[in-house]
Structures are given as C-alpha cells and as structure tokens.
N, C-alpha and C. Protein backbone atom coordinates (compact mmCIF):
# COMPACT_ATOMS: atom_id res chain seq x y z
N MET A 1 26.93 -4.02 112.16
CA MET A 1 28.64 -4.10 112.19
C MET A 1 28.88 -5.87 113.44
N THR A 2 27.85 -5.37 114.79
CA THR A 2 28.33 -6.55 116.22
C THR A 2 27.77 -7.95 114.96
N ASP A 3 27.14 -8.08 113.76
CA ASP A 3 26.45 -9.47 113.77
C ASP A 3 27.65 -9.90 112.91
N LEU A 4 28.40 -9.04 112.29
CA LEU A 4 29.79 -9.82 111.66
C LEU A 4 30.99 -9.87 112.18
N HIS A 5 31.23 -9.42 113.69
CA HIS A 5 32.14 -9.99 113.92
C HIS A 5 32.13 -11.92 114.58
N PRO A 6 30.81 -12.05 115.07
CA PRO A 6 31.38 -13.71 115.30
C PRO A 6 31.53 -14.79 114.13
N LEU A 7 31.28 -13.95 112.82
CA LEU A 7 31.55 -14.65 111.30
C LEU A 7 32.62 -14.71 111.31
N LEU A 8 33.52 -12.90 111.20
CA LEU A 8 34.69 -13.45 110.85
C LEU A 8 36.04 -14.14 112.39
N SER A 9 35.38 -14.24 113.08
CA SER A 9 36.37 -14.66 114.05
C SER A 9 36.39 -16.31 113.74
N SER A 10 35.08 -17.05 113.08
CA SER A 10 35.34 -18.35 112.31
C SER A 10 36.47 -18.57 111.58
N PHE A 11 37.35 -17.59 110.66
CA PHE A 11 37.49 -17.58 109.86
C PHE A 11 39.24 -18.69 110.34
N PRO A 12 39.96 -19.48 109.90
CA PRO A 12 41.05 -19.43 110.41
C PRO A 12 42.23 -17.92 109.96
N LYS A 13 43.07 -17.85 110.64
CA LYS A 13 43.86 -17.08 111.01
C LYS A 13 44.67 -17.87 110.66
N PHE A 14 46.06 -16.87 109.28
CA PHE A 14 47.30 -17.05 109.02
C PHE A 14 48.16 -16.21 109.56
N HIS A 15 49.39 -16.69 109.01
CA HIS A 15 50.31 -16.14 109.66
C HIS A 15 51.35 -15.99 108.46
N TYR A 16 52.31 -14.57 108.53
CA TYR A 16 52.57 -14.50 107.22
C TYR A 16 53.71 -15.13 106.55
N SER A 17 54.31 -16.49 107.83
CA SER A 17 55.29 -17.17 107.82
C SER A 17 54.39 -18.14 106.95
N GLN A 18 53.01 -18.50 107.34
CA GLN A 18 52.48 -19.52 106.81
C GLN A 18 52.20 -19.07 105.33
N LEU A 19 51.38 -18.76 104.79
CA LEU A 19 51.13 -17.41 103.76
C LEU A 19 52.61 -17.76 102.51
N ARG A 20 53.81 -17.24 103.26
CA ARG A 20 55.13 -17.69 102.25
C ARG A 20 55.07 -18.75 101.93
N ALA A 21 55.40 -19.33 103.46
CA ALA A 21 55.76 -20.81 102.93
C ALA A 21 54.63 -21.98 101.70
N SER A 22 53.51 -21.36 101.92
CA SER A 22 52.82 -21.87 100.30
C SER A 22 52.91 -21.55 99.71
N TRP A 23 53.04 -19.86 99.63
CA TRP A 23 53.85 -19.27 97.96
C TRP A 23 54.55 -20.64 97.49
N LYS A 24 55.57 -20.28 98.33
CA LYS A 24 57.46 -21.23 97.74
C LYS A 24 56.80 -22.80 97.00
N MET A 25 55.76 -22.81 97.70
CA MET A 25 55.44 -24.55 98.31
C MET A 25 55.04 -24.02 96.38
N ALA A 26 53.91 -22.97 96.41
CA ALA A 26 52.80 -23.01 94.53
C ALA A 26 54.28 -22.60 93.97
N GLU A 27 54.54 -22.35 93.99
CA GLU A 27 56.27 -21.70 93.19
C GLU A 27 57.08 -23.34 92.16
N GLN A 28 57.27 -23.72 93.86
CA GLN A 28 57.94 -25.58 93.57
C GLN A 28 56.98 -26.02 91.99
N ILE A 29 55.82 -26.41 92.56
CA ILE A 29 55.11 -26.77 91.94
C ILE A 29 54.99 -26.78 90.10
N LYS A 30 55.24 -25.57 89.91
CA LYS A 30 54.41 -25.41 88.71
C LYS A 30 55.27 -26.20 88.07
N GLN A 31 54.23 -26.28 86.21
CA GLN A 31 54.90 -27.34 85.70
C GLN A 31 55.41 -27.42 84.31
N GLN A 32 56.15 -27.72 83.46
CA GLN A 32 56.82 -27.69 82.68
C GLN A 32 55.49 -27.61 81.54
N PRO A 33 55.82 -26.73 80.16
CA PRO A 33 54.55 -26.78 79.73
C PRO A 33 54.32 -28.19 78.68
N ALA A 34 53.47 -28.45 78.53
CA ALA A 34 53.64 -29.86 77.30
C ALA A 34 53.67 -29.57 76.36
N PHE A 35 54.33 -30.16 75.70
CA PHE A 35 54.50 -30.25 73.49
C PHE A 35 53.56 -30.87 73.12
N VAL A 36 52.57 -30.08 72.26
CA VAL A 36 52.31 -31.97 71.03
C VAL A 36 52.82 -31.24 69.72
N LYS A 37 52.24 -32.35 68.75
CA LYS A 37 53.02 -32.40 67.66
C LYS A 37 51.80 -31.66 66.50
N ILE A 38 52.07 -31.42 65.13
CA ILE A 38 51.21 -31.23 64.76
C ILE A 38 49.83 -31.75 64.19
N ASN A 39 50.16 -33.45 64.23
CA ASN A 39 49.16 -34.33 63.60
C ASN A 39 47.95 -34.61 65.22
N GLU A 40 48.21 -33.73 66.58
CA GLU A 40 47.30 -33.89 67.23
C GLU A 40 46.70 -32.80 68.09
N LEU A 41 46.78 -31.54 66.17
CA LEU A 41 46.33 -30.57 66.37
C LEU A 41 44.23 -30.59 66.08
N ARG A 42 43.50 -30.04 66.54
CA ARG A 42 42.18 -30.59 66.13
C ARG A 42 41.48 -29.16 66.26
N PRO A 43 40.27 -28.66 65.58
CA PRO A 43 39.57 -27.67 65.44
C PRO A 43 39.72 -27.23 66.95
N GLY A 44 38.87 -25.45 67.22
CA GLY A 44 38.97 -25.33 68.73
C GLY A 44 39.86 -25.24 69.32
N THR A 45 41.15 -26.48 69.34
CA THR A 45 41.77 -26.00 70.64
C THR A 45 42.90 -24.83 70.64
N PHE A 46 43.40 -24.47 71.48
CA PHE A 46 44.10 -24.06 72.04
C PHE A 46 45.01 -23.58 73.63
N GLY A 47 46.04 -23.27 73.58
CA GLY A 47 46.43 -23.06 74.96
C GLY A 47 48.37 -24.00 74.31
N LEU A 48 47.60 -24.32 72.51
CA LEU A 48 49.25 -25.48 72.87
C LEU A 48 50.34 -24.76 72.36
N ASN A 49 51.43 -25.65 72.83
CA ASN A 49 52.70 -25.43 72.93
C ASN A 49 53.99 -26.24 71.75
N LEU A 50 54.29 -25.90 70.56
CA LEU A 50 54.67 -26.43 69.88
C LEU A 50 55.99 -26.25 69.15
N THR A 51 56.90 -27.17 69.16
CA THR A 51 58.45 -26.66 67.95
C THR A 51 58.51 -26.98 67.13
N VAL A 52 58.13 -26.20 65.62
CA VAL A 52 58.59 -26.17 63.81
C VAL A 52 59.04 -25.71 62.86
N LYS A 53 59.26 -26.29 61.95
CA LYS A 53 60.52 -25.93 61.02
C LYS A 53 59.02 -24.94 60.17
N VAL A 54 59.84 -23.87 59.72
CA VAL A 54 59.09 -22.66 58.37
C VAL A 54 59.13 -23.25 57.52
N VAL A 55 58.34 -23.66 56.78
CA VAL A 55 58.38 -24.60 55.79
C VAL A 55 58.06 -23.67 54.62
N SER A 56 57.36 -22.51 54.55
CA SER A 56 57.63 -21.33 53.16
C SER A 56 56.63 -20.26 54.18
N SER A 57 57.02 -19.28 53.18
CA SER A 57 56.16 -17.42 53.77
C SER A 57 56.12 -17.03 53.21
N LYS A 58 54.88 -16.19 53.18
CA LYS A 58 54.73 -15.57 51.74
C LYS A 58 53.55 -14.18 52.47
N ALA A 59 53.38 -13.02 52.33
CA ALA A 59 52.74 -11.74 52.70
C ALA A 59 51.44 -11.63 52.14
N ILE A 60 50.46 -11.96 53.30
CA ILE A 60 49.66 -11.70 52.77
C ILE A 60 48.70 -10.19 52.45
N VAL A 61 49.17 -9.42 54.16
CA VAL A 61 48.57 -8.01 53.96
C VAL A 61 49.70 -7.05 54.30
N THR A 62 50.28 -5.80 53.33
CA THR A 62 51.31 -5.09 54.14
C THR A 62 50.76 -3.87 53.42
N ARG A 63 50.03 -3.29 55.10
CA ARG A 63 49.26 -2.44 54.74
C ARG A 63 49.39 -0.62 55.92
N GLY A 64 49.22 0.25 55.76
CA GLY A 64 49.45 1.05 57.04
C GLY A 64 48.94 2.08 57.19
N ARG A 65 48.48 2.83 58.49
CA ARG A 65 47.22 3.55 58.55
C ARG A 65 47.58 5.51 58.47
N ASN A 66 46.97 6.29 57.95
CA ASN A 66 48.10 7.20 58.16
C ASN A 66 47.43 8.39 59.80
N GLY A 67 47.76 9.07 60.08
CA GLY A 67 48.14 9.31 61.62
C GLY A 67 48.49 8.98 62.66
N THR A 68 48.45 9.76 63.44
CA THR A 68 49.27 9.24 64.75
C THR A 68 48.35 8.00 65.37
N GLN A 69 47.31 7.30 65.83
CA GLN A 69 47.60 6.52 66.08
C GLN A 69 47.08 5.36 65.72
N GLY A 70 47.61 5.24 64.23
CA GLY A 70 47.04 4.34 63.07
C GLY A 70 48.40 3.56 63.17
N ARG A 71 48.46 2.22 62.89
CA ARG A 71 49.68 1.14 62.75
C ARG A 71 49.41 0.24 61.54
N ASN A 72 50.92 -0.12 62.02
CA ASN A 72 50.77 -0.98 60.39
C ASN A 72 50.47 -2.09 60.65
N MET A 73 50.33 -2.54 59.66
CA MET A 73 49.26 -3.85 59.85
C MET A 73 49.85 -4.91 58.89
N ARG A 74 50.06 -6.57 59.25
CA ARG A 74 51.19 -7.46 58.04
C ARG A 74 50.47 -8.71 58.46
N LEU A 75 50.62 -9.53 57.92
CA LEU A 75 49.35 -10.79 57.86
C LEU A 75 50.81 -11.34 56.60
N ALA A 76 51.10 -12.94 57.15
CA ALA A 76 51.50 -13.40 56.56
C ALA A 76 51.16 -15.26 56.72
N GLU A 77 50.63 -15.90 55.31
CA GLU A 77 50.79 -17.47 56.17
C GLU A 77 51.72 -18.15 55.61
N CYS A 78 51.71 -18.54 56.29
CA CYS A 78 53.57 -19.29 56.65
C CYS A 78 52.70 -21.06 56.67
N LEU A 79 53.72 -22.24 56.28
CA LEU A 79 53.12 -23.53 56.03
C LEU A 79 54.40 -23.76 57.54
N VAL A 80 54.14 -24.23 58.29
CA VAL A 80 55.20 -24.73 59.30
C VAL A 80 54.46 -26.22 59.34
N GLY A 81 55.56 -27.37 60.48
CA GLY A 81 55.73 -28.77 60.47
C GLY A 81 56.78 -28.73 61.06
N ASP A 82 55.67 -30.25 61.22
CA ASP A 82 57.06 -31.15 62.50
C ASP A 82 57.55 -32.34 62.03
N GLU A 83 57.69 -33.93 62.78
CA GLU A 83 58.10 -34.76 62.12
C GLU A 83 56.52 -35.76 61.65
N THR A 84 55.82 -35.14 62.33
CA THR A 84 54.19 -35.24 61.94
C THR A 84 53.57 -35.46 61.18
N GLY A 85 53.14 -33.51 60.70
CA GLY A 85 53.37 -33.18 59.38
C GLY A 85 53.06 -31.92 59.76
N ILE A 86 52.07 -30.81 58.45
CA ILE A 86 51.88 -29.23 58.62
C ILE A 86 51.36 -28.64 58.22
N VAL A 87 50.74 -27.55 58.84
CA VAL A 87 49.51 -26.77 58.93
C VAL A 87 49.94 -25.06 58.44
N VAL A 88 49.02 -24.44 58.05
CA VAL A 88 49.16 -23.47 57.65
C VAL A 88 48.91 -22.78 59.13
N PHE A 89 50.04 -21.54 59.16
CA PHE A 89 50.31 -20.35 60.58
C PHE A 89 49.65 -19.54 60.15
N THR A 90 49.73 -18.49 60.25
CA THR A 90 49.16 -17.42 60.66
C THR A 90 49.71 -16.21 61.19
N ALA A 91 50.99 -15.83 60.56
CA ALA A 91 51.76 -14.66 61.64
C ALA A 91 50.95 -13.47 61.34
N ARG A 92 51.21 -12.41 62.14
CA ARG A 92 50.80 -11.22 62.22
C ARG A 92 51.98 -10.33 63.09
N ASN A 93 52.08 -9.03 62.51
CA ASN A 93 52.66 -7.99 62.96
C ASN A 93 54.37 -8.68 62.98
N ASP A 94 55.05 -8.53 64.34
CA ASP A 94 55.98 -8.52 64.45
C ASP A 94 56.41 -10.09 64.52
N GLN A 95 54.85 -11.47 64.41
CA GLN A 95 55.29 -12.45 64.33
C GLN A 95 55.64 -12.68 62.85
N VAL A 96 55.72 -11.92 62.07
CA VAL A 96 55.91 -12.38 60.29
C VAL A 96 57.99 -12.00 60.39
N ASP A 97 58.29 -11.03 60.92
CA ASP A 97 60.08 -11.48 60.95
C ASP A 97 60.79 -12.35 61.21
N ALA A 98 59.59 -12.97 62.28
CA ALA A 98 60.07 -14.72 63.28
C ALA A 98 60.61 -15.83 62.92
N MET A 99 59.11 -15.51 61.14
CA MET A 99 58.81 -17.03 60.69
C MET A 99 59.25 -16.97 59.18
N LYS A 100 60.83 -16.46 59.34
CA LYS A 100 61.58 -17.07 58.17
C LYS A 100 61.83 -18.67 57.46
N GLU A 101 62.04 -19.03 56.07
CA GLU A 101 61.62 -19.85 55.37
C GLU A 101 62.80 -20.67 55.86
N GLY A 102 62.80 -22.54 56.75
CA GLY A 102 64.03 -22.73 56.83
C GLY A 102 64.45 -22.60 58.67
N SER A 103 63.52 -21.35 59.21
CA SER A 103 64.16 -20.91 60.69
C SER A 103 63.09 -21.82 61.44
N THR A 104 63.44 -22.14 63.04
CA THR A 104 62.61 -23.53 63.77
C THR A 104 62.50 -22.06 64.85
N VAL A 105 61.17 -22.30 65.39
CA VAL A 105 60.13 -21.49 66.36
C VAL A 105 59.65 -22.54 67.37
N ILE A 106 59.11 -21.65 68.38
CA ILE A 106 58.99 -22.60 69.08
C ILE A 106 57.14 -21.80 69.67
N LEU A 107 56.13 -22.19 69.38
CA LEU A 107 54.53 -21.19 69.52
C LEU A 107 54.60 -20.92 70.48
N ARG A 108 54.46 -20.57 71.77
CA ARG A 108 53.61 -20.52 72.96
C ARG A 108 52.06 -20.05 73.39
N ASN A 109 51.21 -21.20 73.62
CA ASN A 109 49.44 -20.33 74.18
C ASN A 109 49.14 -20.27 72.42
N ALA A 110 49.26 -21.20 71.81
CA ALA A 110 48.95 -21.08 70.46
C ALA A 110 47.54 -21.73 70.41
N LYS A 111 46.65 -21.41 68.93
CA LYS A 111 45.07 -21.95 69.10
C LYS A 111 44.74 -22.03 67.70
N ILE A 112 44.16 -23.10 67.54
CA ILE A 112 43.80 -23.11 66.05
C ILE A 112 42.41 -22.51 65.87
N ASP A 113 42.55 -21.59 65.15
CA ASP A 113 41.31 -20.75 64.26
C ASP A 113 40.97 -21.25 63.44
N MET A 114 39.45 -21.37 62.32
CA MET A 114 39.10 -22.20 61.43
C MET A 114 38.40 -20.91 60.67
N TYR A 115 39.42 -21.11 59.30
CA TYR A 115 39.05 -20.36 57.72
C TYR A 115 38.92 -21.26 56.90
N LYS A 116 37.10 -21.15 56.28
CA LYS A 116 37.13 -21.11 55.17
C LYS A 116 36.85 -22.82 55.78
N GLY A 117 36.85 -23.43 56.98
CA GLY A 117 36.61 -25.30 57.14
C GLY A 117 37.64 -25.09 57.26
N SER A 118 39.03 -25.06 56.94
CA SER A 118 40.32 -25.57 57.28
C SER A 118 40.90 -24.82 58.52
N MET A 119 41.73 -25.60 59.15
CA MET A 119 42.31 -25.72 60.72
C MET A 119 43.77 -24.31 60.44
N ARG A 120 43.43 -23.16 60.59
CA ARG A 120 44.56 -22.50 60.62
C ARG A 120 45.51 -22.33 62.54
N LEU A 121 46.79 -22.02 62.14
CA LEU A 121 47.22 -22.32 63.78
C LEU A 121 47.79 -20.65 64.02
N ALA A 122 47.43 -19.98 65.29
CA ALA A 122 47.83 -18.96 65.15
C ALA A 122 48.23 -18.31 66.80
N VAL A 123 49.48 -17.76 67.11
CA VAL A 123 49.44 -17.34 68.58
C VAL A 123 49.00 -15.52 68.82
N ASP A 124 47.71 -15.23 69.31
CA ASP A 124 47.34 -14.37 69.93
C ASP A 124 48.49 -13.30 70.64
N LYS A 125 47.83 -12.44 71.02
CA LYS A 125 48.78 -11.66 72.40
C LYS A 125 49.04 -12.29 73.48
N TRP A 126 48.33 -13.38 74.03
CA TRP A 126 48.59 -14.09 75.21
C TRP A 126 50.34 -15.02 74.17
N GLY A 127 50.39 -15.34 73.53
CA GLY A 127 51.47 -16.14 72.92
C GLY A 127 52.56 -15.75 72.72
N ARG A 128 53.41 -16.36 72.23
CA ARG A 128 54.82 -16.26 71.94
C ARG A 128 54.87 -16.63 70.92
N VAL A 129 56.29 -16.21 69.60
CA VAL A 129 56.44 -16.77 68.82
C VAL A 129 57.99 -16.52 69.18
N GLU A 130 59.21 -17.80 69.67
CA GLU A 130 60.23 -17.51 69.83
C GLU A 130 60.90 -18.33 68.51
N VAL A 131 62.25 -17.74 68.20
CA VAL A 131 62.71 -18.08 67.68
C VAL A 131 63.98 -18.85 67.76
N THR A 132 64.27 -20.57 67.46
CA THR A 132 65.70 -21.37 68.63
C THR A 132 66.37 -22.18 67.59
N GLU A 133 67.56 -22.73 68.08
CA GLU A 133 68.50 -22.85 67.62
C GLU A 133 67.41 -24.79 66.68
N PRO A 134 68.02 -24.36 65.45
CA PRO A 134 67.68 -25.65 64.82
C PRO A 134 67.28 -26.80 65.08
N ALA A 135 66.24 -27.40 64.47
CA ALA A 135 65.71 -28.56 65.28
C ALA A 135 66.46 -29.72 64.77
N ALA A 136 66.36 -31.12 64.48
CA ALA A 136 66.78 -32.01 64.73
C ALA A 136 65.98 -32.59 63.49
N PHE A 137 64.77 -32.69 63.23
CA PHE A 137 63.96 -33.55 63.07
C PHE A 137 63.52 -32.93 61.28
N SER A 138 63.06 -33.85 60.53
CA SER A 138 62.82 -32.87 59.13
C SER A 138 61.14 -33.32 59.25
N VAL A 139 60.93 -31.85 58.36
CA VAL A 139 59.07 -32.50 58.42
C VAL A 139 58.60 -33.24 57.02
N LYS A 140 57.45 -33.65 57.97
CA LYS A 140 56.58 -34.22 57.12
C LYS A 140 55.51 -33.58 56.08
N GLU A 141 56.42 -32.88 55.03
CA GLU A 141 55.15 -32.15 54.20
C GLU A 141 54.44 -32.83 53.30
N ASP A 142 53.81 -34.81 53.60
CA ASP A 142 52.73 -35.21 52.89
C ASP A 142 51.36 -34.83 53.86
N ASN A 143 51.25 -34.81 54.65
CA ASN A 143 49.99 -34.65 55.85
C ASN A 143 49.99 -33.14 56.26
N ASN A 144 49.57 -32.75 55.41
CA ASN A 144 48.52 -31.42 55.49
C ASN A 144 47.50 -30.77 56.37
N LEU A 145 47.48 -30.71 57.61
CA LEU A 145 45.49 -30.46 58.32
C LEU A 145 45.59 -29.25 57.69
N SER A 146 45.55 -28.68 57.24
CA SER A 146 45.01 -27.53 56.99
C SER A 146 44.36 -27.85 55.24
N LEU A 147 44.49 -28.64 54.90
CA LEU A 147 43.72 -29.56 53.85
C LEU A 147 42.57 -30.19 53.98
N ILE A 148 42.36 -30.40 55.36
CA ILE A 148 41.30 -31.18 55.42
C ILE A 148 40.15 -29.98 55.59
N GLU A 149 38.77 -30.64 55.49
CA GLU A 149 37.97 -29.73 55.47
C GLU A 149 37.10 -30.34 56.58
N PHE A 150 36.68 -28.97 57.53
CA PHE A 150 35.64 -29.41 58.66
C PHE A 150 34.34 -29.02 58.51
N GLU A 151 33.01 -29.08 58.48
CA GLU A 151 32.19 -28.93 58.61
C GLU A 151 30.80 -28.94 60.03
N LEU A 152 30.15 -27.51 60.18
CA LEU A 152 30.40 -27.44 61.81
C LEU A 152 28.71 -28.18 61.57
N ILE A 153 28.33 -28.60 62.64
CA ILE A 153 26.36 -29.26 61.94
C ILE A 153 26.43 -29.20 64.14
N THR A 154 24.96 -29.36 63.45
CA THR A 154 24.54 -29.04 65.48
C THR A 154 23.40 -30.24 65.46
N VAL A 155 23.87 -30.37 66.77
CA VAL A 155 23.39 -32.13 67.06
C VAL A 155 21.99 -31.89 67.76
N GLU A 156 20.64 -32.08 67.99
CA GLU A 156 19.43 -31.84 67.82
C GLU A 156 19.60 -33.13 69.32
N GLU A 157 18.89 -33.25 70.53
CA GLU A 157 19.06 -33.60 71.70
C GLU A 157 17.75 -33.99 71.93
C-alpha cells in the first residue's frame, strides 16, 4: 500500500468548483443534431437524423403472443421521403401509429438496414420517431433509394 501512495500524490487534485465549471462548459458545448437528406443515405450508416413525410404506410405483420410475458408485435413498411428522394422505412410496434400517410415525422438516431440487397431506414430502441408540424417541401417520388440493389463484395489485399 505504501508503494501506491507516491503514485497517487502525483495525480492533479481538483476542487469541486473546478469540476463544476468544467461540467457547465461541457453542457454549453453540446452540438445541435445534424440532419441529412434522403439522397445522402448509404448502406451501413447510423446515427442519422431526418425530417420526412410519410408517402404511404402498409401493415406487414400484426401478431400477439399468448401469456403474461408476451407482447404484441406490429410491423409496417412505410415509404418516406423529402425533396431529394424516398426510401422504405420499417416501423415497429408504437412507431406504426406515428407513420400515418401524409404526416411529417422527425427520425432521430435512425440507421440503414439492408434487406435482400436494398436499403431500409429503421429506428431501433436507441432512436425516436416524433410527429411534427407539416413540412413545406414536396416529396420527390421518382428517386427511390430502396430500388437500388447493393451487393456485398470481399476485397482481397
């Protein structure tokens, strides 16, 4: 124990007021989230923030489990877009209620999932789907990024 004492004494000592000041400074530095457009989406990206309009919504799966531990599971495929293009959004459970045709939503911390070689936008438990005021833009429906097929290739070095 005596061998550690000289080591511990070499660390800088902080006073409570210094720690509190640095914490306040860190709070002030918080950055506003960066929003991206649909045409900027790429396979494997995550942490995306988007403001989109719901073009269409179609329920895919609605099933419930029996028992006290079971939950209902709902899935819907929604076509969402902005002024740069459209993409398929996979809504899960409570997200299905927010994805009504014609509504404007903010997707926070969204990610791109790949399904059969095409991109799907999704928000998992770490993200959020928020209904917001109607947006002023009109959706560009002739640029569907979910119709682009990607293929995984391995590169040998």
